[in-house]
N, C-alpha and C. Protein backbone atom coordinates (compact mmCIF):
# COMPACT_ATOMS: atom_id res chain seq x y z
N MET A 1 6.73 -100.92 -1.81
CA MET A 1 5.72 -100.98 -2.87
C MET A 1 6.00 -99.24 -3.27
N LYS A 2 5.83 -98.37 -2.83
CA LYS A 2 5.31 -97.77 -3.36
C LYS A 2 6.87 -97.06 -3.91
N ASN A 3 7.62 -96.61 -3.18
CA ASN A 3 8.98 -96.98 -3.62
C ASN A 3 9.25 -97.16 -6.00
N LEU A 4 8.82 -99.22 -5.23
CA LEU A 4 8.76 -99.85 -6.49
C LEU A 4 8.05 -99.32 -7.52
N SER A 5 7.12 -98.59 -7.10
CA SER A 5 6.00 -97.82 -8.82
C SER A 5 6.28 -97.02 -8.91
N VAL A 6 7.35 -96.22 -8.14
CA VAL A 6 7.56 -95.37 -8.42
C VAL A 6 8.73 -95.22 -9.28
N ILE A 7 10.03 -96.54 -9.48
CA ILE A 7 11.05 -96.91 -9.72
C ILE A 7 10.88 -97.33 -11.06
N PHE A 8 9.67 -97.93 -11.36
CA PHE A 8 9.25 -98.35 -12.55
C PHE A 8 8.53 -97.62 -13.77
N ALA A 9 7.83 -96.44 -12.62
CA ALA A 9 6.95 -95.69 -13.70
C ALA A 9 8.51 -94.25 -14.06
N PHE A 10 9.90 -94.34 -12.91
CA PHE A 10 10.59 -93.03 -13.97
C PHE A 10 11.35 -94.39 -14.75
N ALA A 11 11.51 -95.74 -14.56
CA ALA A 11 11.88 -96.62 -15.61
C ALA A 11 11.31 -96.62 -17.11
N PHE A 12 10.35 -96.93 -16.85
CA PHE A 12 9.12 -95.91 -18.50
C PHE A 12 9.00 -95.03 -18.44
N SER A 13 9.58 -94.24 -18.21
CA SER A 13 9.35 -93.05 -18.40
C SER A 13 10.55 -92.27 -18.86
N LEU A 14 12.02 -93.22 -19.01
CA LEU A 14 13.06 -92.71 -19.34
C LEU A 14 13.25 -93.86 -20.97
N SER A 15 12.68 -94.68 -21.11
CA SER A 15 12.26 -95.96 -21.79
C SER A 15 11.48 -94.96 -22.87
N ALA A 16 10.86 -94.32 -22.86
CA ALA A 16 9.29 -93.91 -23.81
C ALA A 16 10.49 -92.55 -24.19
N PHE A 17 10.96 -91.82 -23.29
CA PHE A 17 11.75 -90.44 -23.65
C PHE A 17 13.32 -90.73 -24.59
N SER A 18 13.57 -92.11 -24.51
CA SER A 18 14.85 -92.41 -25.43
C SER A 18 14.41 -92.83 -26.49
N GLN A 19 12.66 -93.47 -26.42
CA GLN A 19 12.56 -93.47 -28.04
C GLN A 19 11.54 -92.96 -28.84
N GLY A 20 11.58 -91.30 -28.18
CA GLY A 20 11.26 -90.27 -28.51
C GLY A 20 12.29 -89.76 -29.04
N LYS A 21 13.23 -89.38 -28.89
CA LYS A 21 14.19 -88.67 -29.18
C LYS A 21 15.25 -88.75 -30.86
N ILE A 22 14.50 -89.66 -31.14
CA ILE A 22 15.07 -89.77 -33.01
C ILE A 22 14.02 -88.80 -33.30
N LEU A 23 14.50 -87.68 -33.82
CA LEU A 23 13.54 -86.72 -35.08
C LEU A 23 12.47 -87.34 -36.34
N PRO A 24 11.84 -86.83 -36.42
CA PRO A 24 11.94 -86.78 -37.65
C PRO A 24 12.76 -86.58 -38.83
N LYS A 25 12.60 -87.18 -40.63
CA LYS A 25 13.32 -87.70 -41.14
C LYS A 25 13.74 -86.15 -41.61
N ASN A 26 13.12 -85.80 -42.06
CA ASN A 26 13.11 -84.02 -42.35
C ASN A 26 13.70 -83.19 -41.51
N ILE A 27 13.84 -83.12 -40.07
CA ILE A 27 14.34 -82.02 -38.82
C ILE A 27 15.60 -82.97 -39.03
N GLN A 28 15.79 -84.07 -39.12
CA GLN A 28 17.28 -84.13 -38.64
C GLN A 28 18.43 -84.25 -40.20
N ILE A 29 17.41 -84.24 -41.59
CA ILE A 29 18.63 -83.19 -42.71
C ILE A 29 18.34 -82.12 -42.49
N LYS A 30 17.11 -81.32 -41.73
CA LYS A 30 17.83 -79.61 -41.78
C LYS A 30 18.79 -79.54 -40.90
N THR A 31 18.72 -80.10 -39.67
CA THR A 31 20.04 -79.44 -38.64
C THR A 31 21.33 -80.57 -39.31
N ALA A 32 20.91 -81.26 -39.63
CA ALA A 32 22.58 -82.29 -40.20
C ALA A 32 23.56 -81.23 -41.33
N VAL A 33 22.22 -80.82 -42.47
CA VAL A 33 22.90 -79.46 -42.93
C VAL A 33 23.72 -78.57 -42.49
N LEU A 34 22.94 -77.98 -41.82
CA LEU A 34 23.73 -76.86 -41.07
C LEU A 34 25.05 -76.24 -40.61
N ALA A 35 26.10 -77.63 -41.48
CA ALA A 35 27.28 -77.36 -40.68
C ALA A 35 27.86 -77.25 -42.07
N ALA A 36 26.89 -77.47 -43.42
CA ALA A 36 27.24 -77.13 -44.10
C ALA A 36 27.81 -76.75 -44.55
N PRO A 37 29.04 -75.28 -45.96
CA PRO A 37 28.60 -74.02 -46.12
C PRO A 37 27.37 -74.22 -47.06
N GLU A 38 26.48 -72.88 -47.50
CA GLU A 38 24.67 -72.82 -48.64
C GLU A 38 25.19 -73.56 -49.44
N MET A 39 26.08 -73.78 -50.69
CA MET A 39 26.78 -74.28 -51.43
C MET A 39 25.91 -75.46 -51.49
N TYR A 40 26.38 -76.07 -50.46
CA TYR A 40 26.51 -77.72 -50.72
C TYR A 40 25.62 -78.04 -49.68
N ARG A 41 24.85 -77.58 -49.02
CA ARG A 41 23.29 -78.06 -48.02
C ARG A 41 22.36 -78.83 -48.65
N GLU A 42 21.65 -77.99 -50.10
CA GLU A 42 20.92 -79.09 -51.31
C GLU A 42 21.18 -80.72 -51.19
N GLY A 43 22.32 -80.38 -52.03
CA GLY A 43 22.57 -81.82 -52.72
C GLY A 43 23.85 -82.49 -51.79
N ALA A 44 23.54 -82.00 -50.34
CA ALA A 44 24.41 -83.33 -49.31
C ALA A 44 23.59 -84.15 -49.40
N MET A 45 24.67 -85.43 -49.40
CA MET A 45 24.49 -86.58 -48.46
C MET A 45 23.71 -86.28 -47.33
N VAL A 46 22.67 -87.60 -46.48
CA VAL A 46 22.44 -86.98 -44.86
C VAL A 46 22.54 -88.63 -44.63
N LEU A 47 22.79 -88.72 -43.39
CA LEU A 47 23.14 -90.10 -42.77
C LEU A 47 22.34 -90.15 -40.90
N GLY A 48 21.37 -89.98 -40.42
CA GLY A 48 20.77 -90.13 -39.62
C GLY A 48 20.48 -91.42 -39.09
N TYR A 49 19.26 -91.00 -38.21
CA TYR A 49 18.99 -92.21 -37.54
C TYR A 49 17.72 -92.29 -37.33
N ASN A 50 17.21 -94.45 -37.83
CA ASN A 50 15.77 -95.21 -38.16
C ASN A 50 15.21 -94.81 -36.58
N GLU A 51 14.09 -95.25 -36.18
CA GLU A 51 13.57 -95.79 -35.19
C GLU A 51 14.33 -96.48 -34.17
N GLU A 52 14.82 -96.97 -34.98
CA GLU A 52 15.30 -98.00 -33.73
C GLU A 52 16.73 -97.89 -33.83
N GLY A 53 17.18 -96.08 -33.64
CA GLY A 53 18.07 -95.60 -33.59
C GLY A 53 19.65 -95.99 -34.37
N LYS A 54 19.48 -96.85 -35.39
CA LYS A 54 20.16 -97.23 -36.31
C LYS A 54 20.49 -96.35 -37.25
N LEU A 55 22.20 -95.90 -37.66
CA LEU A 55 22.04 -94.96 -38.23
C LEU A 55 21.69 -95.44 -40.14
N ILE A 56 21.57 -94.77 -40.84
CA ILE A 56 21.17 -95.20 -42.25
C ILE A 56 21.03 -93.79 -42.66
N THR A 57 20.91 -94.56 -44.17
CA THR A 57 21.32 -92.82 -44.99
C THR A 57 19.36 -92.14 -45.29
N LEU A 58 19.65 -90.98 -44.91
CA LEU A 58 18.96 -90.37 -44.69
C LEU A 58 17.77 -89.43 -46.19
N ARG A 59 19.33 -89.11 -47.21
CA ARG A 59 18.94 -88.77 -48.19
C ARG A 59 20.77 -88.81 -49.48
N GLU A 60 20.13 -89.49 -49.93
CA GLU A 60 21.05 -89.79 -51.34
C GLU A 60 22.06 -88.43 -51.73
N GLY A 61 22.63 -88.44 -52.00
CA GLY A 61 23.44 -86.55 -52.11
C GLY A 61 23.83 -86.62 -53.37
N THR A 62 24.60 -85.54 -54.22
CA THR A 62 24.55 -85.27 -55.79
C THR A 62 26.19 -84.53 -55.66
N ASN A 63 26.34 -84.39 -54.66
CA ASN A 63 27.58 -82.97 -54.82
C ASN A 63 29.14 -83.16 -53.98
N GLY A 64 28.98 -84.52 -53.68
CA GLY A 64 30.10 -84.93 -53.19
C GLY A 64 30.68 -84.68 -51.54
N MET A 65 29.49 -84.17 -51.00
CA MET A 65 29.73 -83.73 -49.49
C MET A 65 28.56 -84.74 -48.58
N ILE A 66 28.88 -85.31 -47.61
CA ILE A 66 28.40 -85.72 -46.27
C ILE A 66 27.70 -85.20 -45.11
N CYS A 67 26.39 -85.21 -45.01
CA CYS A 67 26.22 -84.68 -43.69
C CYS A 67 25.60 -85.66 -42.74
N LEU A 68 26.12 -85.68 -41.09
CA LEU A 68 25.88 -86.65 -40.45
C LEU A 68 24.68 -86.22 -39.55
N ALA A 69 23.83 -86.33 -39.24
CA ALA A 69 22.98 -85.70 -38.44
C ALA A 69 22.66 -85.97 -36.71
N ASP A 70 22.27 -85.38 -35.92
CA ASP A 70 23.02 -85.40 -34.41
C ASP A 70 22.88 -86.86 -33.89
N ASP A 71 23.64 -86.99 -32.99
CA ASP A 71 23.31 -88.28 -32.40
C ASP A 71 22.64 -88.52 -31.19
N PRO A 72 21.61 -88.92 -31.82
CA PRO A 72 20.46 -88.80 -30.26
C PRO A 72 20.90 -89.06 -28.89
N ASN A 73 21.89 -89.80 -28.69
CA ASN A 73 22.24 -90.52 -27.70
C ASN A 73 23.05 -89.71 -26.76
N LYS A 74 23.75 -88.21 -27.15
CA LYS A 74 24.90 -87.74 -27.07
C LYS A 74 24.15 -85.78 -27.12
N ILE A 75 24.96 -85.76 -25.68
CA ILE A 75 24.49 -85.16 -24.93
C ILE A 75 24.46 -83.24 -25.77
N GLY A 76 23.62 -82.37 -26.30
CA GLY A 76 24.07 -81.33 -26.72
C GLY A 76 23.95 -81.68 -28.30
N ILE A 77 24.23 -80.56 -29.43
CA ILE A 77 23.64 -80.88 -30.37
C ILE A 77 24.97 -80.59 -31.41
N SER A 78 24.98 -81.53 -32.29
CA SER A 78 26.46 -82.02 -33.05
C SER A 78 26.42 -82.30 -33.97
N VAL A 79 26.61 -82.02 -35.62
CA VAL A 79 26.18 -82.44 -36.64
C VAL A 79 27.71 -81.61 -37.15
N ALA A 80 28.15 -82.43 -38.00
CA ALA A 80 29.64 -82.89 -39.16
C ALA A 80 28.81 -82.89 -40.53
N CYS A 81 29.41 -82.16 -41.76
CA CYS A 81 29.18 -82.55 -42.75
C CYS A 81 31.48 -82.51 -43.68
N TYR A 82 31.70 -83.35 -44.35
CA TYR A 82 32.96 -84.00 -44.57
C TYR A 82 32.20 -84.35 -46.43
N ALA A 83 34.00 -84.11 -47.18
CA ALA A 83 34.11 -84.59 -48.30
C ALA A 83 33.61 -86.55 -48.52
N VAL A 84 33.55 -86.45 -49.28
CA VAL A 84 33.19 -87.75 -49.65
C VAL A 84 34.56 -88.59 -49.90
N GLU A 85 35.38 -88.37 -49.74
CA GLU A 85 36.78 -88.78 -49.66
C GLU A 85 37.38 -88.87 -48.36
N LEU A 86 36.57 -88.69 -47.77
CA LEU A 86 36.72 -89.25 -46.09
C LEU A 86 35.74 -90.24 -45.72
N GLU A 87 34.38 -90.48 -46.42
CA GLU A 87 33.46 -91.73 -46.30
C GLU A 87 34.78 -92.95 -45.37
N PRO A 88 35.27 -93.01 -46.62
CA PRO A 88 35.76 -94.69 -45.67
C PRO A 88 36.36 -93.97 -43.75
N PHE A 89 37.06 -93.37 -44.02
CA PHE A 89 38.38 -93.57 -42.66
C PHE A 89 36.70 -93.09 -42.10
N MET A 90 36.11 -92.22 -41.72
CA MET A 90 34.60 -91.85 -41.06
C MET A 90 34.02 -93.59 -40.57
N ALA A 91 33.38 -93.90 -41.81
CA ALA A 91 32.90 -95.53 -41.42
C ALA A 91 33.34 -96.34 -41.10
N ARG A 92 34.65 -96.49 -40.96
CA ARG A 92 36.09 -97.24 -40.44
C ARG A 92 35.95 -96.71 -39.37
N GLY A 93 35.72 -95.81 -38.53
CA GLY A 93 36.11 -95.54 -37.00
C GLY A 93 34.35 -95.51 -36.65
N ARG A 94 33.43 -95.49 -37.04
CA ARG A 94 32.13 -95.81 -36.87
C ARG A 94 32.00 -97.17 -36.91
N GLN A 95 31.94 -98.52 -37.50
CA GLN A 95 32.21 -99.54 -37.48
C GLN A 95 33.60 -100.09 -36.07
N LEU A 96 33.99 -99.13 -35.79
CA LEU A 96 35.04 -100.00 -34.78
C LEU A 96 34.38 -99.17 -33.47
N ALA A 97 33.59 -98.46 -33.44
CA ALA A 97 33.37 -98.04 -32.48
C ALA A 97 32.15 -98.70 -31.79
N ALA A 98 31.48 -99.58 -32.94
CA ALA A 98 30.61 -100.03 -33.26
C ALA A 98 30.54 -101.61 -32.51
N GLU A 99 32.33 -102.19 -32.70
CA GLU A 99 32.31 -103.24 -32.42
C GLU A 99 32.46 -103.70 -30.86
N GLY A 100 33.08 -101.70 -30.32
CA GLY A 100 33.09 -101.73 -28.35
C GLY A 100 35.02 -101.09 -28.80
N LYS A 101 35.56 -100.59 -29.15
CA LYS A 101 37.02 -100.38 -29.46
C LYS A 101 37.28 -99.03 -28.88
N SER A 102 37.87 -99.09 -27.71
CA SER A 102 38.58 -97.82 -27.74
C SER A 102 39.16 -96.79 -28.40
N ASN A 103 39.09 -95.00 -28.03
CA ASN A 103 39.47 -94.16 -28.98
C ASN A 103 40.87 -94.94 -29.19
N GLU A 104 41.70 -95.76 -28.30
CA GLU A 104 42.88 -95.69 -29.05
C GLU A 104 43.05 -97.07 -29.89
N GLU A 105 42.50 -97.69 -29.88
CA GLU A 105 42.49 -99.08 -30.32
C GLU A 105 42.13 -98.57 -31.65
N LYS A 106 40.71 -97.98 -32.00
CA LYS A 106 40.61 -96.97 -33.65
C LYS A 106 41.46 -96.57 -34.06
N GLN A 107 41.87 -95.61 -33.48
CA GLN A 107 43.39 -95.00 -34.15
C GLN A 107 44.06 -95.93 -34.41
N GLU A 108 44.49 -96.81 -33.57
CA GLU A 108 45.87 -97.87 -33.25
C GLU A 108 45.20 -98.40 -35.41
N ALA A 109 43.85 -99.49 -35.67
CA ALA A 109 43.66 -99.89 -35.95
C ALA A 109 43.30 -99.73 -37.30
N ARG A 110 42.74 -98.02 -37.40
CA ARG A 110 43.00 -97.24 -39.07
C ARG A 110 43.70 -96.51 -39.08
N LYS A 111 44.90 -96.83 -38.80
CA LYS A 111 46.99 -96.14 -38.71
C LYS A 111 47.32 -97.06 -39.68
N GLN A 112 46.98 -98.65 -39.44
CA GLN A 112 47.63 -99.75 -39.44
C GLN A 112 47.00 -100.30 -41.01
N GLU A 113 45.95 -99.89 -41.03
CA GLU A 113 44.93 -100.07 -42.23
C GLU A 113 44.83 -98.50 -43.21
N ILE A 114 45.79 -97.65 -42.57
CA ILE A 114 45.84 -96.64 -43.76
C ILE A 114 47.13 -96.88 -44.61
N ASP A 115 48.05 -97.26 -43.25
CA ASP A 115 49.66 -97.51 -43.40
C ASP A 115 49.56 -99.25 -44.80
N ALA A 116 48.65 -100.38 -44.66
CA ALA A 116 48.76 -101.17 -45.63
C ALA A 116 48.18 -100.48 -46.61
N GLY A 117 47.35 -99.35 -46.75
CA GLY A 117 46.74 -99.17 -47.65
C GLY A 117 45.22 -99.86 -48.04
N THR A 118 44.88 -100.35 -47.11
CA THR A 118 43.93 -101.11 -47.43
C THR A 118 42.90 -99.92 -46.81
N LEU A 119 42.68 -98.99 -46.01
CA LEU A 119 41.62 -97.96 -45.86
C LEU A 119 42.79 -96.82 -46.59
N LYS A 120 41.31 -96.03 -47.57
CA LYS A 120 42.03 -95.49 -48.79
C LYS A 120 41.84 -93.83 -47.47
N MET A 121 42.45 -92.91 -48.07
CA MET A 121 42.68 -92.00 -47.80
C MET A 121 42.50 -90.74 -48.43
N PRO A 122 42.09 -89.63 -48.34
CA PRO A 122 42.42 -88.84 -49.91
C PRO A 122 43.55 -88.21 -50.03
N ALA A 123 44.35 -88.03 -51.56
CA ALA A 123 45.25 -87.72 -52.13
C ALA A 123 45.22 -85.55 -51.44
N GLU A 124 44.29 -86.21 -51.09
CA GLU A 124 44.42 -83.76 -50.97
C GLU A 124 43.74 -83.61 -50.13
N PRO A 125 43.93 -82.59 -48.96
CA PRO A 125 43.10 -82.45 -48.30
C PRO A 125 41.95 -82.51 -48.18
N SER A 126 41.43 -82.46 -47.14
CA SER A 126 39.64 -82.50 -46.82
C SER A 126 39.45 -81.88 -45.71
N MET A 127 38.72 -81.42 -46.54
CA MET A 127 37.38 -80.70 -45.34
C MET A 127 36.17 -81.40 -44.35
N VAL A 128 35.88 -80.83 -42.78
CA VAL A 128 35.32 -81.54 -42.35
C VAL A 128 35.22 -80.33 -41.96
N TYR A 129 33.37 -80.13 -41.23
CA TYR A 129 32.96 -78.94 -41.00
C TYR A 129 32.08 -79.42 -39.43
N ILE A 130 32.58 -79.21 -38.57
CA ILE A 130 31.16 -79.07 -37.26
C ILE A 130 30.88 -78.24 -36.24
N LEU A 131 29.52 -78.09 -36.35
CA LEU A 131 28.55 -77.29 -35.55
C LEU A 131 27.89 -77.92 -34.59
N ALA A 132 28.45 -77.26 -33.69
CA ALA A 132 27.47 -78.21 -32.21
C ALA A 132 27.27 -76.49 -31.39
N GLY A 133 25.98 -77.00 -30.60
CA GLY A 133 25.28 -76.35 -29.59
C GLY A 133 24.53 -77.07 -28.98
N GLU A 134 23.86 -76.27 -27.60
CA GLU A 134 23.01 -76.84 -26.62
C GLU A 134 22.09 -76.81 -27.13
N GLU A 135 21.47 -78.11 -26.00
CA GLU A 135 20.16 -78.72 -26.29
C GLU A 135 18.95 -77.54 -26.25
N LYS A 136 19.19 -76.52 -25.16
CA LYS A 136 18.12 -75.76 -24.96
C LYS A 136 17.72 -74.10 -25.95
N ASP A 137 19.22 -73.87 -27.40
CA ASP A 137 19.22 -73.10 -28.15
C ASP A 137 18.46 -74.86 -29.50
N TYR A 138 18.16 -75.25 -29.25
CA TYR A 138 17.19 -75.94 -30.04
C TYR A 138 16.42 -76.08 -29.99
N SER A 139 15.59 -76.58 -31.43
CA SER A 139 14.07 -76.64 -31.67
C SER A 139 14.15 -77.68 -32.95
N ALA A 140 13.69 -78.90 -31.87
CA ALA A 140 13.26 -80.44 -32.63
C ALA A 140 12.23 -80.09 -33.10
N GLU A 141 11.41 -78.64 -33.42
CA GLU A 141 10.16 -79.04 -33.80
C GLU A 141 10.67 -78.24 -35.73
N THR A 142 11.45 -77.46 -35.57
CA THR A 142 11.90 -76.34 -36.27
C THR A 142 13.20 -76.86 -37.52
N GLY A 143 14.07 -77.33 -36.64
CA GLY A 143 15.31 -77.97 -36.54
C GLY A 143 16.69 -76.94 -36.85
N GLU A 144 16.15 -75.95 -36.01
CA GLU A 144 16.82 -74.63 -36.04
C GLU A 144 17.69 -74.84 -34.58
N LEU A 145 19.25 -74.14 -34.95
CA LEU A 145 19.80 -74.72 -33.94
C LEU A 145 20.30 -72.79 -33.48
N LEU A 146 19.90 -71.83 -32.42
CA LEU A 146 19.76 -70.27 -32.45
C LEU A 146 21.11 -70.05 -32.50
N GLU A 147 21.96 -70.48 -31.48
CA GLU A 147 22.96 -69.85 -31.09
C GLU A 147 23.96 -71.70 -31.20
N SER A 148 25.13 -71.33 -31.77
CA SER A 148 25.89 -72.98 -32.72
C SER A 148 27.58 -72.04 -32.17
N LYS A 149 28.57 -73.27 -32.05
CA LYS A 149 29.85 -72.92 -32.19
C LYS A 149 30.47 -73.67 -33.86
N ILE A 150 31.27 -73.31 -35.02
CA ILE A 150 31.47 -73.86 -36.13
C ILE A 150 32.90 -74.28 -35.18
N ARG A 151 33.27 -75.54 -36.09
CA ARG A 151 35.10 -75.39 -36.21
C ARG A 151 34.89 -76.09 -37.36
N TYR A 152 36.39 -75.76 -38.41
CA TYR A 152 36.98 -76.69 -39.35
C TYR A 152 37.75 -77.30 -39.55
N VAL A 153 38.02 -78.32 -39.81
CA VAL A 153 39.02 -79.88 -40.05
C VAL A 153 39.54 -79.66 -41.16
N ILE A 154 40.63 -79.83 -41.77
CA ILE A 154 40.96 -80.40 -42.59
C ILE A 154 42.08 -81.97 -42.55
N TYR A 155 41.82 -82.62 -42.60
CA TYR A 155 42.32 -83.90 -43.38
C TYR A 155 43.33 -83.83 -44.46
N LYS A 156 44.71 -84.66 -43.26
CA LYS A 156 45.07 -85.50 -44.35
C LYS A 156 46.29 -86.17 -43.95
N PRO A 157 46.44 -87.20 -44.40
CA PRO A 157 47.51 -87.76 -43.43
C PRO A 157 49.07 -86.69 -43.07
N TYR A 158 49.74 -87.49 -42.45
CA TYR A 158 51.15 -87.18 -42.09
C TYR A 158 51.98 -86.04 -42.17
N MET A 159 51.18 -84.72 -41.95
CA MET A 159 50.75 -83.94 -42.83
C MET A 159 51.72 -83.27 -41.21
N THR A 160 52.72 -82.59 -41.52
CA THR A 160 54.02 -82.01 -39.89
C THR A 160 53.97 -80.48 -40.31
N GLY A 161 54.42 -79.75 -38.48
CA GLY A 161 54.08 -78.71 -38.83
C GLY A 161 55.69 -78.08 -39.81
N GLU A 162 56.78 -78.79 -40.26
CA GLU A 162 57.77 -78.69 -40.67
C GLU A 162 56.97 -78.11 -42.40
N SER A 163 56.28 -79.32 -42.22
CA SER A 163 55.62 -79.21 -44.63
C SER A 163 54.58 -77.88 -44.37
N THR A 164 54.24 -78.36 -43.30
CA THR A 164 52.79 -76.71 -43.88
C THR A 164 53.42 -75.37 -42.98
N GLY A 165 54.16 -75.51 -42.26
CA GLY A 165 54.36 -74.09 -41.50
C GLY A 165 53.40 -73.63 -40.58
N LEU A 166 52.44 -74.58 -40.35
CA LEU A 166 51.47 -74.32 -38.91
C LEU A 166 52.63 -74.92 -37.47
N PRO A 167 51.57 -74.29 -36.72
CA PRO A 167 52.46 -75.07 -35.13
C PRO A 167 51.52 -75.80 -34.45
N THR A 168 51.79 -76.67 -33.90
CA THR A 168 51.05 -78.24 -33.57
C THR A 168 50.71 -77.48 -32.37
N LYS A 169 50.54 -76.89 -31.67
CA LYS A 169 49.85 -76.17 -30.23
C LYS A 169 48.81 -75.48 -30.30
N PRO A 170 47.71 -74.73 -30.18
CA PRO A 170 47.17 -73.66 -30.85
C PRO A 170 48.02 -72.86 -29.89
N GLN A 171 47.87 -71.74 -30.62
CA GLN A 171 48.16 -70.42 -30.34
C GLN A 171 47.51 -69.25 -30.09
N ALA A 172 46.65 -68.86 -30.71
CA ALA A 172 46.19 -67.59 -30.55
C ALA A 172 45.07 -68.43 -31.13
N PRO A 173 44.28 -67.51 -30.24
CA PRO A 173 42.03 -67.94 -30.91
C PRO A 173 41.69 -67.80 -31.81
N GLY A 174 41.08 -68.33 -32.91
CA GLY A 174 40.93 -68.45 -34.37
C GLY A 174 42.48 -69.42 -35.06
N MET A 175 43.40 -69.14 -34.97
CA MET A 175 44.36 -69.31 -35.16
C MET A 175 44.30 -70.74 -36.18
N PRO A 176 44.89 -71.27 -37.12
CA PRO A 176 44.66 -72.55 -37.13
C PRO A 176 46.25 -73.03 -36.92
N TRP A 177 45.84 -74.14 -36.28
CA TRP A 177 47.34 -75.25 -36.06
C TRP A 177 47.00 -76.52 -36.32
N LEU A 178 48.19 -77.45 -36.04
CA LEU A 178 47.82 -78.95 -36.99
C LEU A 178 47.93 -80.22 -35.62
N MET A 179 46.89 -80.29 -35.45
CA MET A 179 46.69 -81.53 -34.42
C MET A 179 47.44 -82.93 -34.64
N ASP A 180 47.61 -83.59 -34.01
CA ASP A 180 48.65 -85.15 -34.66
C ASP A 180 49.29 -85.26 -35.66
N ALA A 181 50.13 -83.94 -35.39
CA ALA A 181 50.49 -83.95 -36.55
C ALA A 181 51.74 -84.52 -36.96
N GLY A 182 52.49 -85.64 -37.82
CA GLY A 182 53.02 -86.58 -37.69
C GLY A 182 51.87 -87.88 -38.24
N THR A 183 51.31 -88.09 -38.21
CA THR A 183 50.57 -89.26 -37.88
C THR A 183 49.41 -88.87 -38.98
N HIS A 184 49.43 -90.76 -38.89
CA HIS A 184 47.99 -91.17 -40.20
C HIS A 184 47.17 -90.25 -40.01
N ARG A 185 46.50 -89.24 -38.76
CA ARG A 185 45.13 -88.46 -38.09
C ARG A 185 45.08 -87.66 -38.68
N SER A 186 47.31 -86.62 -39.05
CA SER A 186 46.76 -84.99 -38.90
C SER A 186 45.63 -84.72 -39.46
N HIS A 187 45.45 -83.45 -38.30
CA HIS A 187 44.73 -82.53 -39.48
C HIS A 187 44.80 -81.23 -39.14
N ILE A 188 44.33 -80.33 -39.78
CA ILE A 188 44.59 -78.57 -39.66
C ILE A 188 43.62 -78.51 -38.52
N MET A 189 43.15 -77.55 -37.98
CA MET A 189 42.15 -77.15 -36.91
C MET A 189 42.46 -75.78 -36.57
N ILE A 190 41.10 -75.39 -37.25
CA ILE A 190 40.38 -73.76 -37.58
C ILE A 190 39.31 -73.75 -36.12
N THR A 191 39.05 -73.17 -35.20
CA THR A 191 38.37 -72.91 -34.13
C THR A 191 38.23 -71.59 -34.07
N PRO A 192 37.03 -70.54 -35.34
CA PRO A 192 36.78 -69.03 -35.26
C PRO A 192 36.62 -68.76 -33.74
N ALA A 193 37.74 -68.00 -33.01
CA ALA A 193 37.72 -67.06 -32.20
C ALA A 193 35.88 -66.49 -31.83
N ASN A 194 35.33 -67.31 -30.40
CA ASN A 194 34.23 -66.03 -30.53
C ASN A 194 34.04 -64.93 -30.14
N ARG A 195 32.76 -64.63 -30.29
CA ARG A 195 32.44 -62.92 -30.49
C ARG A 195 31.58 -62.09 -29.72
């Protein structure tokens, strides 16, 4: 009976912890925009989480940048900002994930939709900024992330090594390279070298 009480207490504490993981709106916004260049932070639209854990618009935007708050159900801190032209692609990925699709299924569905013209992709290369760090370096009270790493991703469908002059595999720390070359989700990866 004592063990059963411990199990119930533990389950209750996990439930209380998971409910408490949703940060206040202002903190989610402050953290989310850290991924964006300073000139875009104030006017960026911010998507984050309500008390039920549902992704919602926390703040409307005015400058064509969308920032995504940290997912409270994932380990570590990761926020991203991207050009509004990428939102159909990003939103479709979130929708497919919510339907329980695997990564392979998501990629195949979006490929078919892009090729059919039903999922619009930007005509020009479109930027994504991703900032990540560890929870030990994050203050949920202030929204500050003391230590972090950034990477830059530039999307444009069907880029190739030949058309861009980029290698299709990482070559040297900080050097740009083309990931998923020749596919609907081809993107240039730039990960600054650690200092």
